[in-house]
Amino acid sequence: MAQILAASPTCQMRVPKHSSVIASSSKLWSSVVLKQKKQSNNKVRGFRVLALQSDNSTVNRVETLLNLDTKPYSDRIIAEYIWIGGSGIDLRSKSRTIEKPVEDPSELPKWNYDGSSTGQAPGEDSEVILYPQAIFRDPFRGGNNILVICDTWTPAGEPIPTNKRAKAEIFSNKKVSGEVPWFGIEQEYTLLQQNVKWPLGWPVGAFPGPQGPYYCGVGADKIWGRDISDAHYKACLYAGINISGTNGEVMPGQWEFQVGPSVGIDAGDHVWCARYLL
């Protein structure tokens, strides 16, 4: 709420009862409420302008466009190419328009990026090629739009050093795939308070009570951030990630989700896409 105080008690806003200003600006002021603040002697001390939401505001227009369904107007979709950066734990992504919906990574084109900006190539030879490997539905953009998990290769067709997925080619070996190996992965994470970088639910600059009540806890004094955990859970289900559960962990602000059981390399693709959504 915006609050504007007049500079002196004599500062007032007046509009004649039958002024054309009222008619011409009624829409402009339809979302603004003026409230006088009076002292005990009934003299005007100031006024507050309460700015309510306008149907034509920039925020509303952006939100409308973000929720716009393009399917009735175009077959083209947005594919978000996602890969692991040079540190091995950072995620990168870039968007590409695809002419029509796809169902398999083999239908998608390879793409490239500047590896010198992600710590994955020298500046004098910076091109890195993205190979699409797994597709998930995009819960942010909706529709037929997709998320694409990629791994990273040189233009000559060699996996770059940080491409650990390429080393998992053993899963394509018939002897291995014939055994149908199952994997389940647990991912723990801690939510931090935005301004102070201190765990959510902790007193600022201090520590919570001893562990015990928080693990799989229920109640506002035991669990913090459940809305984020639930939103992530639903986003994963929408995307097609094989998420199998979630729970509050032993520390306030700490959560865990599980992916699996998944077969072979799918486990890695699914958990990295889940990390991207989180």
Protein backbone atom coordinates (compact mmCIF):
# COMPACT_ATOMS: atom_id res chain seq x y z
CA MET A 1 0.00 0.00 0.00
CA ALA A 2 1.38 3.40 -0.95
CA GLN A 3 0.97 6.13 1.64
CA ILE A 4 1.31 9.82 0.77
CA LEU A 5 1.18 12.39 3.58
CA ALA A 6 0.46 16.03 2.81
CA ALA A 7 3.23 18.52 3.56
CA SER A 8 1.02 20.65 5.79
CA PRO A 9 -2.50 20.55 7.30
CA THR A 10 -3.66 23.08 4.70
CA CYS A 11 -2.78 20.88 1.72
CA GLN A 12 -5.98 19.43 0.27
CA MET A 13 -7.28 17.94 -2.97
CA ARG A 14 -10.54 19.37 -4.29
CA VAL A 15 -12.50 18.74 -7.48
CA PRO A 16 -15.69 20.72 -8.30
CA LYS A 17 -18.81 18.60 -8.03
CA HIS A 18 -19.78 19.00 -11.68
CA SER A 19 -16.31 19.31 -13.15
CA SER A 20 -15.57 17.61 -16.46
CA VAL A 21 -12.44 16.27 -14.79
CA ILE A 22 -14.58 13.75 -12.95
CA ALA A 23 -16.18 12.42 -16.13
CA SER A 24 -12.99 12.34 -18.16
CA SER A 25 -10.89 10.71 -15.48
CA SER A 26 -13.38 8.43 -13.77
CA LYS A 27 -11.68 5.36 -15.21
CA LEU A 28 -8.27 6.65 -14.25
CA TRP A 29 -9.28 7.07 -10.62
CA SER A 30 -11.53 4.00 -10.42
CA SER A 31 -8.77 2.11 -8.67
CA VAL A 32 -7.62 4.89 -6.35
CA VAL A 33 -9.25 5.53 -2.98
CA LEU A 34 -8.58 8.77 -1.12
CA LYS A 35 -8.86 8.60 2.65
CA GLN A 36 -8.49 11.69 4.82
CA LYS A 37 -6.66 11.51 8.12
CA LYS A 38 -8.08 13.95 10.67
CA GLN A 39 -6.87 15.16 14.00
CA SER A 40 -9.16 15.43 17.00
CA ASN A 41 -10.06 19.02 16.05
CA ASN A 42 -11.37 17.74 12.68
CA LYS A 43 -8.71 19.60 10.70
CA VAL A 44 -7.27 17.69 7.77
CA ARG A 45 -3.75 16.55 8.66
CA GLY A 46 -3.06 14.61 5.47
CA PHE A 47 -4.45 12.01 3.14
CA ARG A 48 -3.54 8.53 1.99
CA VAL A 49 -3.72 7.31 -1.59
CA LEU A 50 -4.49 3.61 -1.66
CA ALA A 51 -3.48 2.26 -5.07
CA LEU A 52 -5.51 -0.82 -5.86
CA GLN A 53 -4.92 -3.18 -8.74
CA SER A 54 -5.78 -1.80 -12.17
CA ASP A 55 -7.11 -3.97 -14.96
CA ASN A 56 -4.73 -2.25 -17.38
CA SER A 57 -1.60 -2.34 -15.24
CA THR A 58 1.70 -3.57 -16.64
CA VAL A 59 1.78 -6.39 -14.07
CA ASN A 60 -1.64 -7.64 -15.14
CA ARG A 61 -0.76 -7.51 -18.82
CA VAL A 62 2.46 -9.45 -18.27
CA GLU A 63 0.60 -12.07 -16.23
CA THR A 64 -2.04 -12.37 -18.94
CA LEU A 65 0.61 -12.93 -21.60
CA LEU A 66 2.44 -15.49 -19.45
CA ASN A 67 -0.81 -17.47 -19.14
CA LEU A 68 -1.65 -17.09 -22.84
CA ASP A 69 -2.46 -20.37 -24.58
CA THR A 70 -0.88 -20.28 -28.04
CA LYS A 71 -2.21 -23.67 -29.19
CA PRO A 72 -5.27 -22.29 -31.02
CA TYR A 73 -3.05 -19.97 -33.05
CA SER A 74 0.18 -21.85 -33.72
CA ASP A 75 1.60 -25.38 -33.78
CA ARG A 76 4.97 -24.02 -32.75
CA ILE A 77 6.18 -24.75 -29.23
CA ILE A 78 8.91 -23.59 -26.88
CA ALA A 79 11.61 -26.09 -25.95
CA GLU A 80 13.77 -25.16 -22.95
CA TYR A 81 17.17 -26.84 -23.45
CA ILE A 82 18.70 -27.58 -20.02
CA TRP A 83 22.24 -28.71 -19.24
CA ILE A 84 24.71 -28.91 -16.35
CA GLY A 85 27.29 -26.11 -16.24
CA GLY A 86 31.00 -26.17 -15.63
CA SER A 87 30.88 -26.52 -11.84
CA GLY A 88 29.01 -29.80 -12.15
CA ILE A 89 26.16 -28.53 -9.96
CA ASP A 90 24.94 -25.37 -11.70
CA LEU A 91 22.13 -25.60 -14.24
CA ARG A 92 21.92 -23.58 -17.46
CA SER A 93 19.13 -23.27 -20.01
CA LYS A 94 18.09 -21.49 -23.20
CA SER A 95 14.84 -21.44 -25.15
CA ARG A 96 14.21 -22.50 -28.75
CA THR A 97 11.15 -22.42 -30.98
CA ILE A 98 10.23 -25.82 -32.43
CA GLU A 99 7.90 -26.00 -35.44
CA LYS A 100 5.57 -28.65 -33.98
CA PRO A 101 5.09 -30.78 -30.86
CA VAL A 102 7.51 -33.68 -30.44
CA GLU A 103 7.41 -36.91 -28.47
CA ASP A 104 11.01 -38.14 -28.59
CA PRO A 105 14.39 -36.40 -28.14
CA SER A 106 15.50 -37.73 -31.54
CA GLU A 107 12.96 -35.37 -33.16
CA LEU A 108 14.74 -32.33 -31.72
CA PRO A 109 17.68 -30.55 -33.34
CA LYS A 110 21.06 -30.34 -31.69
CA TRP A 111 21.97 -26.85 -30.54
CA ASN A 112 25.03 -24.96 -29.40
CA TYR A 113 26.19 -22.43 -26.81
CA ASP A 114 29.25 -20.48 -25.70
CA GLY A 115 31.09 -22.80 -23.35
CA SER A 116 33.60 -20.13 -22.34
CA SER A 117 30.78 -18.39 -20.48
CA THR A 118 29.88 -21.51 -18.47
CA GLY A 119 33.40 -22.70 -17.60
CA GLN A 120 33.27 -25.52 -20.14
CA ALA A 121 35.45 -24.32 -23.03
CA PRO A 122 38.34 -21.92 -23.71
CA GLY A 123 37.61 -18.53 -25.23
CA GLU A 124 39.45 -19.26 -28.46
CA ASP A 125 37.38 -22.40 -29.15
CA SER A 126 34.17 -21.92 -27.20
CA GLU A 127 31.46 -23.75 -29.14
CA VAL A 128 29.75 -26.60 -27.28
CA ILE A 129 26.99 -28.74 -28.82
CA LEU A 130 23.82 -29.73 -26.93
CA TYR A 131 22.45 -33.23 -27.57
CA PRO A 132 18.78 -33.60 -26.50
CA GLN A 133 18.44 -36.69 -24.29
CA ALA A 134 15.14 -36.53 -22.37
CA ILE A 135 11.86 -34.63 -22.69
CA PHE A 136 9.49 -33.45 -19.94
CA ARG A 137 6.34 -31.34 -20.02
CA ASP A 138 6.90 -27.71 -19.05
CA PRO A 139 4.77 -26.81 -15.98
CA PHE A 140 5.75 -23.14 -16.23
CA ARG A 141 4.65 -22.50 -19.82
CA GLY A 142 2.06 -25.29 -20.06
CA GLY A 143 0.50 -26.39 -23.35
CA ASN A 144 2.72 -28.50 -25.59
CA ASN A 145 5.87 -26.69 -24.44
CA ILE A 146 8.66 -28.91 -23.15
CA LEU A 147 11.79 -29.11 -21.02
CA VAL A 148 14.72 -30.87 -22.67
CA ILE A 149 17.55 -32.41 -20.65
CA CYS A 150 20.72 -32.29 -22.73
CA ASP A 151 24.32 -33.38 -22.45
CA THR A 152 27.32 -31.55 -23.88
CA TRP A 153 29.71 -32.40 -26.73
CA THR A 154 32.46 -30.85 -28.83
CA PRO A 155 31.74 -30.01 -32.48
CA ALA A 156 33.87 -33.06 -33.34
CA GLY A 157 31.44 -35.33 -31.49
CA GLU A 158 33.43 -35.96 -28.31
CA PRO A 159 31.87 -35.52 -24.86
CA ILE A 160 33.38 -32.54 -23.05
CA PRO A 161 35.08 -33.28 -19.68
CA THR A 162 32.08 -32.19 -17.60
CA ASN A 163 29.70 -34.46 -19.53
CA LYS A 164 29.29 -37.22 -16.95
CA ARG A 165 26.13 -38.54 -18.60
CA ALA A 166 28.12 -39.81 -21.59
CA LYS A 167 30.06 -42.08 -19.23
CA ALA A 168 26.79 -43.76 -18.31
CA GLU A 169 26.64 -45.40 -21.74
CA ILE A 170 27.02 -48.72 -19.92
CA PHE A 171 23.26 -48.58 -19.35
CA SER A 172 22.76 -49.09 -23.08
CA ASN A 173 24.78 -52.31 -22.96
CA LYS A 174 22.38 -55.20 -23.60
CA LYS A 175 23.75 -57.21 -20.69
CA VAL A 176 23.10 -54.31 -18.33
CA SER A 177 19.76 -53.22 -19.74
CA GLY A 178 18.62 -56.84 -19.69
CA GLU A 179 19.00 -56.83 -15.92
CA VAL A 180 16.65 -53.79 -15.66
CA PRO A 181 18.62 -52.02 -12.90
CA TRP A 182 16.48 -49.93 -10.58
CA PHE A 183 17.61 -46.74 -8.85
CA GLY A 184 16.04 -44.50 -6.25
CA ILE A 185 17.56 -41.11 -5.46
CA GLU A 186 16.92 -38.91 -2.43
CA GLN A 187 17.46 -35.16 -2.80
CA GLU A 188 17.65 -33.04 0.34
CA TYR A 189 17.59 -29.24 0.25
CA THR A 190 17.34 -26.32 2.66
CA LEU A 191 15.18 -23.23 2.13
CA LEU A 192 16.82 -19.95 3.12
CA GLN A 193 15.22 -16.69 4.21
CA GLN A 194 15.61 -14.38 1.25
CA ASN A 195 17.11 -11.34 2.93
CA VAL A 196 19.43 -12.83 5.53
CA LYS A 197 20.45 -16.17 3.95
CA TRP A 198 19.53 -17.99 7.15
CA PRO A 199 17.46 -21.21 7.10
CA LEU A 200 13.70 -20.74 6.94
CA GLY A 201 12.10 -21.20 10.35
CA TRP A 202 15.28 -20.32 12.26
CA PRO A 203 15.40 -17.22 14.47
CA VAL A 204 17.57 -14.68 12.63
CA GLY A 205 21.14 -14.98 13.88
CA ALA A 206 20.17 -17.74 16.31
CA PHE A 207 19.40 -21.44 16.33
CA PRO A 208 16.20 -23.48 16.63
CA GLY A 209 15.44 -26.02 19.32
CA PRO A 210 17.05 -29.46 19.15
CA GLN A 211 16.01 -31.88 16.43
CA GLY A 212 13.15 -34.25 17.02
CA PRO A 213 9.87 -32.41 16.36
CA TYR A 214 10.69 -31.34 12.78
CA TYR A 215 11.20 -34.60 10.90
CA CYS A 216 7.94 -35.36 9.01
CA GLY A 217 6.44 -32.76 11.34
CA VAL A 218 2.99 -31.21 11.18
CA GLY A 219 2.12 -27.72 12.40
CA ALA A 220 3.19 -24.12 11.94
CA ASP A 221 5.74 -24.39 14.78
CA LYS A 222 7.42 -27.47 13.28
CA ILE A 223 7.35 -27.10 9.48
CA TRP A 224 8.28 -24.15 7.25
CA GLY A 225 8.06 -24.00 3.46
CA ARG A 226 5.44 -26.68 2.87
CA ASP A 227 3.86 -24.56 0.12
CA ILE A 228 7.14 -24.59 -1.83
CA SER A 229 7.54 -28.35 -1.35
CA ASP A 230 3.96 -28.98 -2.50
CA ALA A 231 4.30 -26.66 -5.50
CA HIS A 232 7.47 -28.48 -6.54
CA TYR A 233 5.79 -31.87 -6.03
CA LYS A 234 2.93 -30.95 -8.37
CA ALA A 235 5.28 -29.40 -10.94
CA CYS A 236 7.24 -32.67 -11.05
CA LEU A 237 4.07 -34.74 -11.50
CA TYR A 238 2.92 -32.43 -14.30
CA ALA A 239 6.31 -32.67 -16.00
CA GLY A 240 6.24 -36.47 -15.96
CA ILE A 241 9.09 -36.85 -13.48
CA ASN A 242 8.99 -40.10 -11.56
CA ILE A 243 8.84 -38.39 -8.16
CA SER A 244 7.76 -40.86 -5.51
CA GLY A 245 7.41 -38.75 -2.39
CA THR A 246 8.52 -35.87 -0.20
CA ASN A 247 8.86 -35.10 3.50
CA GLY A 248 10.09 -32.53 5.98
CA GLU A 249 13.59 -33.33 7.26
CA VAL A 250 15.27 -33.18 10.68
CA MET A 251 16.14 -29.47 10.53
CA PRO A 252 13.67 -26.57 10.27
CA GLY A 253 13.58 -25.36 6.66
CA GLN A 254 14.99 -28.64 5.36
CA TRP A 255 13.07 -30.86 2.92
CA GLU A 256 13.61 -33.98 0.89
CA PHE A 257 12.08 -35.48 -2.23
CA GLN A 258 12.63 -38.87 -3.79
CA VAL A 259 12.85 -39.88 -7.46
CA GLY A 260 12.37 -43.49 -8.48
CA PRO A 261 12.41 -46.34 -8.70
CA SER A 262 13.70 -45.54 -12.17
CA VAL A 263 15.48 -47.77 -14.65
CA GLY A 264 19.04 -46.97 -15.68
CA ILE A 265 19.97 -43.49 -16.85
CA ASP A 266 16.36 -42.31 -16.47
CA ALA A 267 17.05 -41.82 -12.77
CA GLY A 268 19.69 -39.19 -13.49
CA ASP A 269 17.61 -37.40 -16.13
CA HIS A 270 14.58 -37.25 -13.83
CA VAL A 271 16.43 -35.98 -10.75
CA TRP A 272 18.22 -33.26 -12.74
CA CYS A 273 14.93 -32.07 -14.23
CA ALA A 274 13.44 -32.08 -10.71
CA ARG A 275 16.36 -29.93 -9.54
CA TYR A 276 15.73 -27.54 -12.41
CA LEU A 277 12.06 -27.18 -11.41
CA LEU A 278 13.00 -26.58 -7.78
